[in-house]
Amino acid sequence: MDFLETAIRDYGYLAIFIVTLFEGETIQIIGGIAAGQDWLRIEWVVIAGFTGTFLSDQTVFLVARRYGPELVARFPRLKRRVDIATPYLERWNTWFILGFRFVYGVRNIAAIAVALSNVPAIRFFWLNMIAAALWAVTFALVGYVFGYAVREIVGDIKEWILEALILIVVLWIGGKYLLKWISRRKLGRP
């Protein structure tokens, strides 16, 4: 498993940054686990995750601020999702912006909804920065504590890290699809 450990040490931060540009809880937790195993440094895991999620949401916000009305007019499904988020944004403006990245499936839609609202860009910038920092620290520390605990209980996980990573990813993706399936069933959709 020296190859995997070397790959994680050499490319782990870059992988965290790239994946968190899109959706990153899983990779942030895995980065934390790697830090708990002393393969990565926890502060750089946090910085990589923070940078990816912050830049992604800022970019979505700025693009939606410029092209949002045309996008929602062109994509009715996007408009429906933005319309669902908007009442929450209007009622709990600050908390909505601070918390949307913690709710699965809401991140990009929320940034679009905020961009289409009357929230000033500078306000979104600062709240997005705070939220990205909280998110990056939270998920990295969850992984770090788990990785550290495993190291203390069973030692170095080199022998079974690949299997553990595959299991974590499969469980995470399976959980996401299960939640999506449950929510669709509640809405009466197949």
N, C-alpha and C. Protein backbone atom coordinates (compact mmCIF):
# COMPACT_ATOMS: atom_id res chain seq x y z
N MET A 1 0.81 -1.20 0.00
CA MET A 1 0.00 0.00 0.00
C MET A 1 0.85 1.27 0.00
N ASP A 2 2.16 1.13 -0.19
CA ASP A 2 3.00 2.31 -0.23
C ASP A 2 2.61 3.25 -1.37
N PHE A 3 2.16 2.68 -2.50
CA PHE A 3 1.74 3.50 -3.62
C PHE A 3 0.57 4.39 -3.24
N LEU A 4 -0.44 3.81 -2.58
CA LEU A 4 -1.62 4.58 -2.19
C LEU A 4 -1.25 5.67 -1.18
N GLU A 5 -0.44 5.32 -0.20
CA GLU A 5 -0.02 6.32 0.78
C GLU A 5 0.76 7.44 0.11
N THR A 6 1.65 7.09 -0.81
CA THR A 6 2.42 8.10 -1.53
C THR A 6 1.50 8.98 -2.37
N ALA A 7 0.54 8.37 -3.05
CA ALA A 7 -0.40 9.14 -3.87
C ALA A 7 -1.20 10.10 -3.00
N ILE A 8 -1.65 9.63 -1.83
CA ILE A 8 -2.40 10.49 -0.93
C ILE A 8 -1.53 11.64 -0.45
N ARG A 9 -0.29 11.34 -0.07
CA ARG A 9 0.62 12.40 0.40
C ARG A 9 0.92 13.41 -0.71
N ASP A 10 1.12 12.92 -1.94
CA ASP A 10 1.51 13.80 -3.04
C ASP A 10 0.35 14.57 -3.65
N TYR A 11 -0.82 13.95 -3.75
CA TYR A 11 -1.93 14.56 -4.47
C TYR A 11 -3.18 14.77 -3.62
N GLY A 12 -3.11 14.47 -2.35
CA GLY A 12 -4.28 14.56 -1.48
C GLY A 12 -4.88 15.95 -1.42
N TYR A 13 -4.05 16.96 -1.23
CA TYR A 13 -4.58 18.32 -1.11
C TYR A 13 -5.22 18.78 -2.43
N LEU A 14 -4.57 18.45 -3.54
CA LEU A 14 -5.12 18.81 -4.85
C LEU A 14 -6.46 18.10 -5.08
N ALA A 15 -6.54 16.82 -4.72
CA ALA A 15 -7.80 16.08 -4.87
C ALA A 15 -8.89 16.71 -4.02
N ILE A 16 -8.57 17.07 -2.80
CA ILE A 16 -9.56 17.71 -1.92
C ILE A 16 -10.05 19.01 -2.54
N PHE A 17 -9.12 19.82 -3.01
CA PHE A 17 -9.49 21.10 -3.64
C PHE A 17 -10.41 20.87 -4.83
N ILE A 18 -10.03 19.98 -5.74
CA ILE A 18 -10.81 19.76 -6.96
C ILE A 18 -12.20 19.21 -6.65
N VAL A 19 -12.28 18.22 -5.78
CA VAL A 19 -13.58 17.61 -5.49
C VAL A 19 -14.49 18.58 -4.74
N THR A 20 -13.93 19.39 -3.84
CA THR A 20 -14.78 20.33 -3.11
C THR A 20 -15.29 21.47 -3.98
N LEU A 21 -14.75 21.60 -5.17
CA LEU A 21 -15.33 22.56 -6.11
C LEU A 21 -16.75 22.16 -6.49
N PHE A 22 -17.05 20.86 -6.37
CA PHE A 22 -18.35 20.35 -6.80
C PHE A 22 -19.22 19.93 -5.62
N GLU A 23 -18.78 18.97 -4.88
CA GLU A 23 -19.51 18.47 -3.71
C GLU A 23 -18.46 17.76 -2.88
N GLY A 24 -18.29 18.10 -1.65
CA GLY A 24 -17.08 17.61 -1.04
C GLY A 24 -17.09 17.02 0.34
N GLU A 25 -18.24 16.72 0.93
CA GLU A 25 -18.21 16.19 2.29
C GLU A 25 -17.36 14.93 2.39
N THR A 26 -17.55 14.02 1.44
CA THR A 26 -16.85 12.75 1.48
C THR A 26 -15.34 12.95 1.41
N ILE A 27 -14.88 13.74 0.45
CA ILE A 27 -13.43 13.92 0.28
C ILE A 27 -12.85 14.69 1.46
N GLN A 28 -13.62 15.60 2.05
CA GLN A 28 -13.13 16.35 3.20
C GLN A 28 -12.96 15.41 4.40
N ILE A 29 -13.91 14.50 4.58
CA ILE A 29 -13.80 13.52 5.66
C ILE A 29 -12.63 12.58 5.40
N ILE A 30 -12.48 12.12 4.16
CA ILE A 30 -11.36 11.24 3.82
C ILE A 30 -10.04 11.96 4.04
N GLY A 31 -9.97 13.23 3.69
CA GLY A 31 -8.76 14.02 3.96
C GLY A 31 -8.48 14.10 5.44
N GLY A 32 -9.54 14.26 6.24
CA GLY A 32 -9.37 14.27 7.69
C GLY A 32 -8.87 12.93 8.21
N ILE A 33 -9.40 11.84 7.66
CA ILE A 33 -8.93 10.51 8.05
C ILE A 33 -7.45 10.37 7.73
N ALA A 34 -7.05 10.80 6.53
CA ALA A 34 -5.63 10.73 6.14
C ALA A 34 -4.77 11.57 7.09
N ALA A 35 -5.29 12.71 7.52
CA ALA A 35 -4.55 13.54 8.49
C ALA A 35 -4.47 12.83 9.83
N GLY A 36 -5.54 12.14 10.23
CA GLY A 36 -5.52 11.38 11.47
C GLY A 36 -4.53 10.23 11.44
N GLN A 37 -4.18 9.80 10.24
CA GLN A 37 -3.18 8.74 10.06
C GLN A 37 -1.78 9.33 9.84
N ASP A 38 -1.66 10.65 9.92
CA ASP A 38 -0.40 11.36 9.70
C ASP A 38 0.10 11.29 8.26
N TRP A 39 -0.80 11.12 7.31
CA TRP A 39 -0.43 11.13 5.90
C TRP A 39 -0.55 12.53 5.31
N LEU A 40 -1.45 13.31 5.86
CA LEU A 40 -1.63 14.70 5.46
C LEU A 40 -1.65 15.55 6.72
N ARG A 41 -1.52 16.84 6.56
CA ARG A 41 -1.62 17.75 7.70
C ARG A 41 -3.03 18.32 7.74
N ILE A 42 -3.64 18.27 8.91
CA ILE A 42 -5.04 18.67 9.05
C ILE A 42 -5.27 20.12 8.62
N GLU A 43 -4.33 21.01 8.93
CA GLU A 43 -4.54 22.41 8.56
C GLU A 43 -4.58 22.60 7.05
N TRP A 44 -3.81 21.80 6.30
CA TRP A 44 -3.84 21.91 4.84
C TRP A 44 -5.07 21.24 4.25
N VAL A 45 -5.57 20.21 4.92
CA VAL A 45 -6.84 19.60 4.50
C VAL A 45 -7.95 20.65 4.63
N VAL A 46 -7.97 21.36 5.75
CA VAL A 46 -8.97 22.41 5.96
C VAL A 46 -8.82 23.51 4.91
N ILE A 47 -7.61 23.94 4.66
CA ILE A 47 -7.37 25.02 3.69
C ILE A 47 -7.79 24.59 2.28
N ALA A 48 -7.44 23.37 1.88
CA ALA A 48 -7.80 22.88 0.54
C ALA A 48 -9.32 22.80 0.40
N GLY A 49 -10.00 22.25 1.41
CA GLY A 49 -11.46 22.15 1.36
C GLY A 49 -12.13 23.51 1.39
N PHE A 50 -11.63 24.38 2.25
CA PHE A 50 -12.17 25.74 2.33
C PHE A 50 -12.05 26.45 0.98
N THR A 51 -10.88 26.37 0.39
CA THR A 51 -10.64 27.08 -0.87
C THR A 51 -11.54 26.56 -1.99
N GLY A 52 -11.67 25.24 -2.08
CA GLY A 52 -12.53 24.67 -3.13
C GLY A 52 -13.99 25.05 -2.97
N THR A 53 -14.52 24.88 -1.76
CA THR A 53 -15.95 25.15 -1.56
C THR A 53 -16.24 26.66 -1.65
N PHE A 54 -15.34 27.49 -1.12
CA PHE A 54 -15.55 28.94 -1.18
C PHE A 54 -15.53 29.43 -2.62
N LEU A 55 -14.50 29.04 -3.37
CA LEU A 55 -14.40 29.51 -4.76
C LEU A 55 -15.56 29.00 -5.60
N SER A 56 -15.98 27.78 -5.38
CA SER A 56 -17.11 27.23 -6.14
C SER A 56 -18.37 28.04 -5.89
N ASP A 57 -18.70 28.27 -4.63
CA ASP A 57 -19.94 28.99 -4.32
C ASP A 57 -19.87 30.45 -4.76
N GLN A 58 -18.70 31.07 -4.67
CA GLN A 58 -18.56 32.45 -5.14
C GLN A 58 -18.76 32.50 -6.65
N THR A 59 -18.20 31.53 -7.35
CA THR A 59 -18.33 31.51 -8.80
C THR A 59 -19.79 31.30 -9.21
N VAL A 60 -20.46 30.34 -8.58
CA VAL A 60 -21.88 30.10 -8.89
C VAL A 60 -22.68 31.36 -8.60
N PHE A 61 -22.41 32.00 -7.46
CA PHE A 61 -23.13 33.23 -7.11
C PHE A 61 -22.92 34.30 -8.18
N LEU A 62 -21.67 34.55 -8.56
CA LEU A 62 -21.38 35.61 -9.53
C LEU A 62 -21.97 35.31 -10.91
N VAL A 63 -21.88 34.06 -11.34
CA VAL A 63 -22.47 33.69 -12.62
C VAL A 63 -24.00 33.84 -12.56
N ALA A 64 -24.59 33.39 -11.47
CA ALA A 64 -26.05 33.49 -11.33
C ALA A 64 -26.49 34.94 -11.16
N ARG A 65 -25.67 35.76 -10.54
CA ARG A 65 -26.03 37.17 -10.40
C ARG A 65 -26.10 37.81 -11.79
N ARG A 66 -25.22 37.37 -12.69
CA ARG A 66 -25.18 37.94 -14.04
C ARG A 66 -26.20 37.26 -14.98
N TYR A 67 -26.25 35.92 -14.96
CA TYR A 67 -27.05 35.17 -15.93
C TYR A 67 -28.23 34.42 -15.32
N GLY A 68 -28.46 34.58 -14.02
CA GLY A 68 -29.48 33.81 -13.32
C GLY A 68 -30.87 33.88 -13.91
N PRO A 69 -31.39 35.07 -14.19
CA PRO A 69 -32.75 35.12 -14.75
C PRO A 69 -32.89 34.33 -16.06
N GLU A 70 -31.88 34.41 -16.92
CA GLU A 70 -31.92 33.65 -18.17
C GLU A 70 -31.84 32.15 -17.90
N LEU A 71 -31.03 31.76 -16.92
CA LEU A 71 -30.88 30.33 -16.60
C LEU A 71 -32.18 29.73 -16.06
N VAL A 72 -32.81 30.43 -15.12
CA VAL A 72 -34.05 29.88 -14.55
C VAL A 72 -35.18 29.90 -15.57
N ALA A 73 -35.16 30.85 -16.49
CA ALA A 73 -36.17 30.87 -17.55
C ALA A 73 -35.96 29.71 -18.52
N ARG A 74 -34.72 29.37 -18.75
CA ARG A 74 -34.39 28.31 -19.70
C ARG A 74 -34.57 26.90 -19.12
N PHE A 75 -34.38 26.77 -17.81
CA PHE A 75 -34.43 25.46 -17.16
C PHE A 75 -35.53 25.46 -16.08
N PRO A 76 -36.72 25.01 -16.42
CA PRO A 76 -37.84 25.04 -15.47
C PRO A 76 -37.56 24.26 -14.17
N ARG A 77 -36.84 23.17 -14.26
CA ARG A 77 -36.53 22.39 -13.06
C ARG A 77 -35.66 23.22 -12.09
N LEU A 78 -34.72 23.96 -12.65
CA LEU A 78 -33.88 24.84 -11.84
C LEU A 78 -34.75 25.90 -11.17
N LYS A 79 -35.68 26.46 -11.92
CA LYS A 79 -36.57 27.48 -11.35
C LYS A 79 -37.38 26.91 -10.19
N ARG A 80 -37.90 25.70 -10.35
CA ARG A 80 -38.68 25.08 -9.27
C ARG A 80 -37.83 24.91 -8.01
N ARG A 81 -36.60 24.49 -8.19
CA ARG A 81 -35.72 24.29 -7.03
C ARG A 81 -35.35 25.62 -6.37
N VAL A 82 -35.10 26.63 -7.16
CA VAL A 82 -34.81 27.96 -6.62
C VAL A 82 -36.04 28.50 -5.89
N ASP A 83 -37.22 28.27 -6.46
CA ASP A 83 -38.45 28.72 -5.82
C ASP A 83 -38.68 28.05 -4.47
N ILE A 84 -38.25 26.81 -4.31
CA ILE A 84 -38.36 26.12 -3.03
C ILE A 84 -37.42 26.75 -2.01
N ALA A 85 -36.22 27.12 -2.42
CA ALA A 85 -35.22 27.68 -1.51
C ALA A 85 -35.51 29.13 -1.13
N THR A 86 -36.14 29.88 -2.01
CA THR A 86 -36.31 31.32 -1.81
C THR A 86 -37.05 31.70 -0.53
N PRO A 87 -38.15 31.06 -0.16
CA PRO A 87 -38.82 31.46 1.09
C PRO A 87 -37.92 31.31 2.33
N TYR A 88 -37.11 30.27 2.34
CA TYR A 88 -36.19 30.08 3.47
C TYR A 88 -35.13 31.18 3.48
N LEU A 89 -34.64 31.53 2.32
CA LEU A 89 -33.67 32.61 2.19
C LEU A 89 -34.28 33.93 2.65
N GLU A 90 -35.49 34.20 2.26
CA GLU A 90 -36.13 35.46 2.63
C GLU A 90 -36.42 35.54 4.13
N ARG A 91 -36.73 34.40 4.71
CA ARG A 91 -37.07 34.41 6.14
C ARG A 91 -35.84 34.39 7.04
N TRP A 92 -34.86 33.56 6.69
CA TRP A 92 -33.66 33.39 7.53
C TRP A 92 -32.41 33.66 6.72
N ASN A 93 -32.30 34.84 6.20
CA ASN A 93 -31.24 35.24 5.29
C ASN A 93 -29.85 34.81 5.73
N THR A 94 -29.41 35.28 6.87
CA THR A 94 -28.06 34.99 7.34
C THR A 94 -27.87 33.51 7.61
N TRP A 95 -28.81 32.89 8.32
CA TRP A 95 -28.68 31.47 8.66
C TRP A 95 -28.74 30.59 7.42
N PHE A 96 -29.53 31.00 6.46
CA PHE A 96 -29.61 30.26 5.21
C PHE A 96 -28.25 30.23 4.52
N ILE A 97 -27.62 31.38 4.41
CA ILE A 97 -26.32 31.47 3.73
C ILE A 97 -25.26 30.71 4.53
N LEU A 98 -25.30 30.82 5.85
CA LEU A 98 -24.30 30.12 6.67
C LEU A 98 -24.49 28.60 6.66
N GLY A 99 -25.74 28.16 6.45
CA GLY A 99 -25.99 26.74 6.61
C GLY A 99 -26.24 25.93 5.36
N PHE A 100 -26.41 26.56 4.19
CA PHE A 100 -26.85 25.78 3.04
C PHE A 100 -25.87 24.71 2.61
N ARG A 101 -24.59 24.90 2.80
CA ARG A 101 -23.64 23.89 2.35
C ARG A 101 -23.63 22.66 3.25
N PHE A 102 -24.27 22.74 4.40
CA PHE A 102 -24.35 21.59 5.30
C PHE A 102 -25.52 20.68 4.96
N VAL A 103 -26.40 21.11 4.05
CA VAL A 103 -27.58 20.32 3.68
C VAL A 103 -27.34 19.73 2.30
N TYR A 104 -27.39 18.40 2.22
CA TYR A 104 -27.10 17.72 0.97
C TYR A 104 -28.05 18.16 -0.14
N GLY A 105 -27.47 18.41 -1.32
CA GLY A 105 -28.26 18.72 -2.49
C GLY A 105 -28.73 20.15 -2.61
N VAL A 106 -28.33 21.01 -1.69
CA VAL A 106 -28.84 22.38 -1.66
C VAL A 106 -27.78 23.38 -2.10
N ARG A 107 -26.53 23.00 -2.05
CA ARG A 107 -25.43 23.95 -2.18
C ARG A 107 -25.50 24.85 -3.42
N ASN A 108 -25.52 24.29 -4.61
CA ASN A 108 -25.51 25.13 -5.81
C ASN A 108 -26.82 25.86 -6.02
N ILE A 109 -27.92 25.20 -5.73
CA ILE A 109 -29.22 25.87 -5.86
C ILE A 109 -29.30 27.06 -4.91
N ALA A 110 -28.78 26.88 -3.70
CA ALA A 110 -28.83 27.97 -2.71
C ALA A 110 -28.02 29.17 -3.18
N ALA A 111 -26.85 28.93 -3.73
CA ALA A 111 -26.04 30.05 -4.21
C ALA A 111 -26.75 30.79 -5.34
N ILE A 112 -27.47 30.05 -6.17
CA ILE A 112 -28.23 30.68 -7.25
C ILE A 112 -29.39 31.49 -6.67
N ALA A 113 -30.09 30.91 -5.70
CA ALA A 113 -31.21 31.63 -5.07
C ALA A 113 -30.72 32.92 -4.42
N VAL A 114 -29.59 32.86 -3.74
CA VAL A 114 -29.04 34.06 -3.10
C VAL A 114 -28.68 35.10 -4.16
N ALA A 115 -28.09 34.65 -5.26
CA ALA A 115 -27.71 35.57 -6.33
C ALA A 115 -28.92 36.27 -6.94
N LEU A 116 -30.05 35.57 -6.98
CA LEU A 116 -31.26 36.15 -7.56
C LEU A 116 -32.04 37.01 -6.57
N SER A 117 -31.60 37.01 -5.32
CA SER A 117 -32.27 37.81 -4.29
C SER A 117 -31.66 39.20 -4.22
N ASN A 118 -32.09 39.94 -3.22
CA ASN A 118 -31.53 41.29 -3.04
C ASN A 118 -30.36 41.30 -2.06
N VAL A 119 -29.78 40.15 -1.75
CA VAL A 119 -28.62 40.10 -0.86
C VAL A 119 -27.43 40.73 -1.59
N PRO A 120 -26.80 41.74 -0.98
CA PRO A 120 -25.64 42.36 -1.62
C PRO A 120 -24.49 41.36 -1.80
N ALA A 121 -23.76 41.50 -2.89
CA ALA A 121 -22.65 40.59 -3.20
C ALA A 121 -21.61 40.57 -2.09
N ILE A 122 -21.33 41.71 -1.49
CA ILE A 122 -20.32 41.77 -0.44
C ILE A 122 -20.78 41.02 0.81
N ARG A 123 -22.08 41.08 1.08
CA ARG A 123 -22.62 40.34 2.22
C ARG A 123 -22.49 38.83 1.97
N PHE A 124 -22.85 38.39 0.77
CA PHE A 124 -22.69 36.97 0.44
C PHE A 124 -21.22 36.56 0.54
N PHE A 125 -20.32 37.40 0.05
CA PHE A 125 -18.89 37.09 0.10
C PHE A 125 -18.45 36.76 1.53
N TRP A 126 -18.77 37.64 2.47
CA TRP A 126 -18.31 37.44 3.85
C TRP A 126 -19.01 36.26 4.53
N LEU A 127 -20.31 36.16 4.34
CA LEU A 127 -21.03 35.02 4.94
C LEU A 127 -20.59 33.70 4.30
N ASN A 128 -20.34 33.72 3.00
CA ASN A 128 -19.85 32.52 2.32
C ASN A 128 -18.48 32.13 2.85
N MET A 129 -17.63 33.12 3.11
CA MET A 129 -16.30 32.83 3.65
C MET A 129 -16.41 32.18 5.03
N ILE A 130 -17.24 32.73 5.88
CA ILE A 130 -17.43 32.17 7.23
C ILE A 130 -17.98 30.75 7.13
N ALA A 131 -19.01 30.57 6.30
CA ALA A 131 -19.64 29.26 6.16
C ALA A 131 -18.67 28.23 5.59
N ALA A 132 -17.89 28.63 4.60
CA ALA A 132 -16.91 27.70 4.01
C ALA A 132 -15.88 27.28 5.05
N ALA A 133 -15.45 28.21 5.89
CA ALA A 133 -14.49 27.88 6.94
C ALA A 133 -15.09 26.91 7.95
N LEU A 134 -16.32 27.19 8.38
CA LEU A 134 -16.99 26.29 9.33
C LEU A 134 -17.17 24.90 8.74
N TRP A 135 -17.59 24.85 7.49
CA TRP A 135 -17.80 23.57 6.81
C TRP A 135 -16.49 22.79 6.69
N ALA A 136 -15.44 23.45 6.23
CA ALA A 136 -14.16 22.78 6.02
C ALA A 136 -13.60 22.23 7.33
N VAL A 137 -13.67 23.03 8.38
CA VAL A 137 -13.17 22.59 9.69
C VAL A 137 -14.01 21.43 10.22
N THR A 138 -15.32 21.55 10.14
CA THR A 138 -16.22 20.52 10.68
C THR A 138 -15.97 19.16 10.04
N PHE A 139 -16.03 19.09 8.73
CA PHE A 139 -15.90 17.80 8.06
C PHE A 139 -14.48 17.25 8.13
N ALA A 140 -13.48 18.12 8.09
CA ALA A 140 -12.10 17.63 8.24
C ALA A 140 -11.89 17.07 9.64
N LEU A 141 -12.42 17.74 10.64
CA LEU A 141 -12.24 17.25 12.02
C LEU A 141 -13.00 15.96 12.29
N VAL A 142 -14.17 15.80 11.67
CA VAL A 142 -14.88 14.52 11.81
C VAL A 142 -13.99 13.39 11.29
N GLY A 143 -13.42 13.58 10.12
CA GLY A 143 -12.52 12.57 9.57
C GLY A 143 -11.26 12.40 10.39
N TYR A 144 -10.71 13.51 10.87
CA TYR A 144 -9.48 13.45 11.66
C TYR A 144 -9.68 12.65 12.94
N VAL A 145 -10.75 12.94 13.65
CA VAL A 145 -11.03 12.23 14.90
C VAL A 145 -11.22 10.74 14.62
N PHE A 146 -11.95 10.43 13.55
CA PHE A 146 -12.13 9.02 13.19
C PHE A 146 -10.80 8.38 12.83
N GLY A 147 -10.01 9.03 11.98
CA GLY A 147 -8.71 8.49 11.57
C GLY A 147 -7.76 8.33 12.73
N TYR A 148 -7.75 9.30 13.62
CA TYR A 148 -6.88 9.23 14.81
C TYR A 148 -7.33 8.09 15.72
N ALA A 149 -8.63 7.96 15.93
CA ALA A 149 -9.15 6.89 16.79
C ALA A 149 -8.81 5.52 16.22
N VAL A 150 -8.97 5.37 14.91
CA VAL A 150 -8.63 4.09 14.28
C VAL A 150 -7.15 3.80 14.46
N ARG A 151 -6.31 4.81 14.26
CA ARG A 151 -4.85 4.62 14.42
C ARG A 151 -4.52 4.20 15.85
N GLU A 152 -5.19 4.78 16.83
CA GLU A 152 -4.92 4.43 18.22
C GLU A 152 -5.43 3.03 18.57
N ILE A 153 -6.52 2.63 17.95
CA ILE A 153 -7.12 1.33 18.28
C ILE A 153 -6.47 0.19 17.51
N VAL A 154 -6.31 0.35 16.19
CA VAL A 154 -5.80 -0.76 15.38
C VAL A 154 -4.46 -0.48 14.73
N GLY A 155 -3.91 0.68 14.93
CA GLY A 155 -2.61 1.01 14.34
C GLY A 155 -2.77 1.60 12.95
N ASP A 156 -1.70 1.56 12.20
CA ASP A 156 -1.68 2.13 10.85
C ASP A 156 -2.63 1.34 9.95
N ILE A 157 -3.37 2.03 9.14
CA ILE A 157 -4.38 1.36 8.32
C ILE A 157 -3.89 1.09 6.89
N LYS A 158 -2.58 1.09 6.68
CA LYS A 158 -2.05 0.89 5.33
C LYS A 158 -2.57 -0.38 4.67
N GLU A 159 -2.66 -1.45 5.46
CA GLU A 159 -3.04 -2.74 4.88
C GLU A 159 -4.46 -2.75 4.33
N TRP A 160 -5.35 -1.98 4.90
CA TRP A 160 -6.75 -2.04 4.46
C TRP A 160 -7.34 -0.68 4.11
N ILE A 161 -6.50 0.30 3.83
CA ILE A 161 -7.00 1.64 3.53
C ILE A 161 -7.83 1.68 2.25
N LEU A 162 -7.40 0.97 1.22
CA LEU A 162 -8.15 1.00 -0.04
C LEU A 162 -9.55 0.45 0.17
N GLU A 163 -9.65 -0.68 0.86
CA GLU A 163 -10.97 -1.26 1.13
C GLU A 163 -11.81 -0.32 1.99
N ALA A 164 -11.18 0.31 2.98
CA ALA A 164 -11.91 1.24 3.85
C ALA A 164 -12.40 2.45 3.07
N LEU A 165 -11.58 3.01 2.19
CA LEU A 165 -11.99 4.16 1.40
C LEU A 165 -13.14 3.79 0.46
N ILE A 166 -13.04 2.62 -0.16
CA ILE A 166 -14.12 2.17 -1.04
C ILE A 166 -15.41 2.01 -0.24
N LEU A 167 -15.31 1.40 0.93
CA LEU A 167 -16.49 1.20 1.78
C LEU A 167 -17.10 2.54 2.18
N ILE A 168 -16.28 3.49 2.58
CA ILE A 168 -16.78 4.81 2.98
C ILE A 168 -17.49 5.49 1.82
N VAL A 169 -16.88 5.46 0.65
CA VAL A 169 -17.48 6.10 -0.52
C VAL A 169 -18.79 5.41 -0.90
N VAL A 170 -18.81 4.08 -0.90
CA VAL A 170 -20.02 3.34 -1.24
C VAL A 170 -21.13 3.64 -0.23
N LEU A 171 -20.80 3.64 1.06
CA LEU A 171 -21.81 3.94 2.08
C LEU A 171 -22.32 5.37 1.95
N TRP A 172 -21.43 6.30 1.69
CA TRP A 172 -21.82 7.70 1.56
C TRP A 172 -22.74 7.89 0.35
N ILE A 173 -22.33 7.36 -0.79
CA ILE A 173 -23.14 7.50 -2.00
C ILE A 173 -24.47 6.76 -1.83
N GLY A 174 -24.42 5.56 -1.26
CA GLY A 174 -25.64 4.81 -1.00
C GLY A 174 -26.58 5.57 -0.08
N GLY A 175 -26.03 6.20 0.95
CA GLY A 175 -26.84 7.00 1.87
C GLY A 175 -27.48 8.18 1.17
N LYS A 176 -26.72 8.84 0.29
CA LYS A 176 -27.27 9.97 -0.44
C LYS A 176 -28.42 9.53 -1.34
N TYR A 177 -28.24 8.42 -2.06
CA TYR A 177 -29.30 7.93 -2.92
C TYR A 177 -30.50 7.45 -2.12
N LEU A 178 -30.25 6.86 -0.96
CA LEU A 178 -31.35 6.43 -0.11
C LEU A 178 -32.17 7.63 0.35
N LEU A 179 -31.49 8.70 0.78
CA LEU A 179 -32.20 9.92 1.19
C LEU A 179 -32.98 10.53 0.03
N LYS A 180 -32.38 10.52 -1.14
CA LYS A 180 -33.06 11.05 -2.32
C LYS A 180 -34.29 10.21 -2.64
N TRP A 181 -34.16 8.89 -2.57
CA TRP A 181 -35.27 7.99 -2.83
C TRP A 181 -36.39 8.21 -1.82
N ILE A 182 -36.04 8.36 -0.55
CA ILE A 182 -37.04 8.60 0.50
C ILE A 182 -37.76 9.91 0.25
N SER A 183 -37.02 10.95 -0.09
CA SER A 183 -37.67 12.25 -0.31
C SER A 183 -38.57 12.21 -1.54
N ARG A 184 -38.17 11.49 -2.58
CA ARG A 184 -39.02 11.36 -3.77
C ARG A 184 -40.30 10.59 -3.44
N ARG A 185 -40.18 9.58 -2.61
CA ARG A 185 -41.35 8.80 -2.23
C ARG A 185 -42.33 9.67 -1.44
N LYS A 186 -41.79 10.54 -0.59
CA LYS A 186 -42.65 11.43 0.18
C LYS A 186 -43.39 12.41 -0.74
N LEU A 187 -42.72 12.80 -1.83
CA LEU A 187 -43.35 13.71 -2.79
C LEU A 187 -44.24 12.98 -3.79
N GLY A 188 -44.26 11.66 -3.71
CA GLY A 188 -45.12 10.88 -4.60
C GLY A 188 -44.51 10.61 -5.96
N ARG A 189 -43.19 10.80 -6.09
CA ARG A 189 -42.52 10.52 -7.36
C ARG A 189 -41.82 9.17 -7.29
N PRO A 190 -41.72 8.45 -8.40
CA PRO A 190 -41.03 7.14 -8.38
C PRO A 190 -39.54 7.27 -8.24
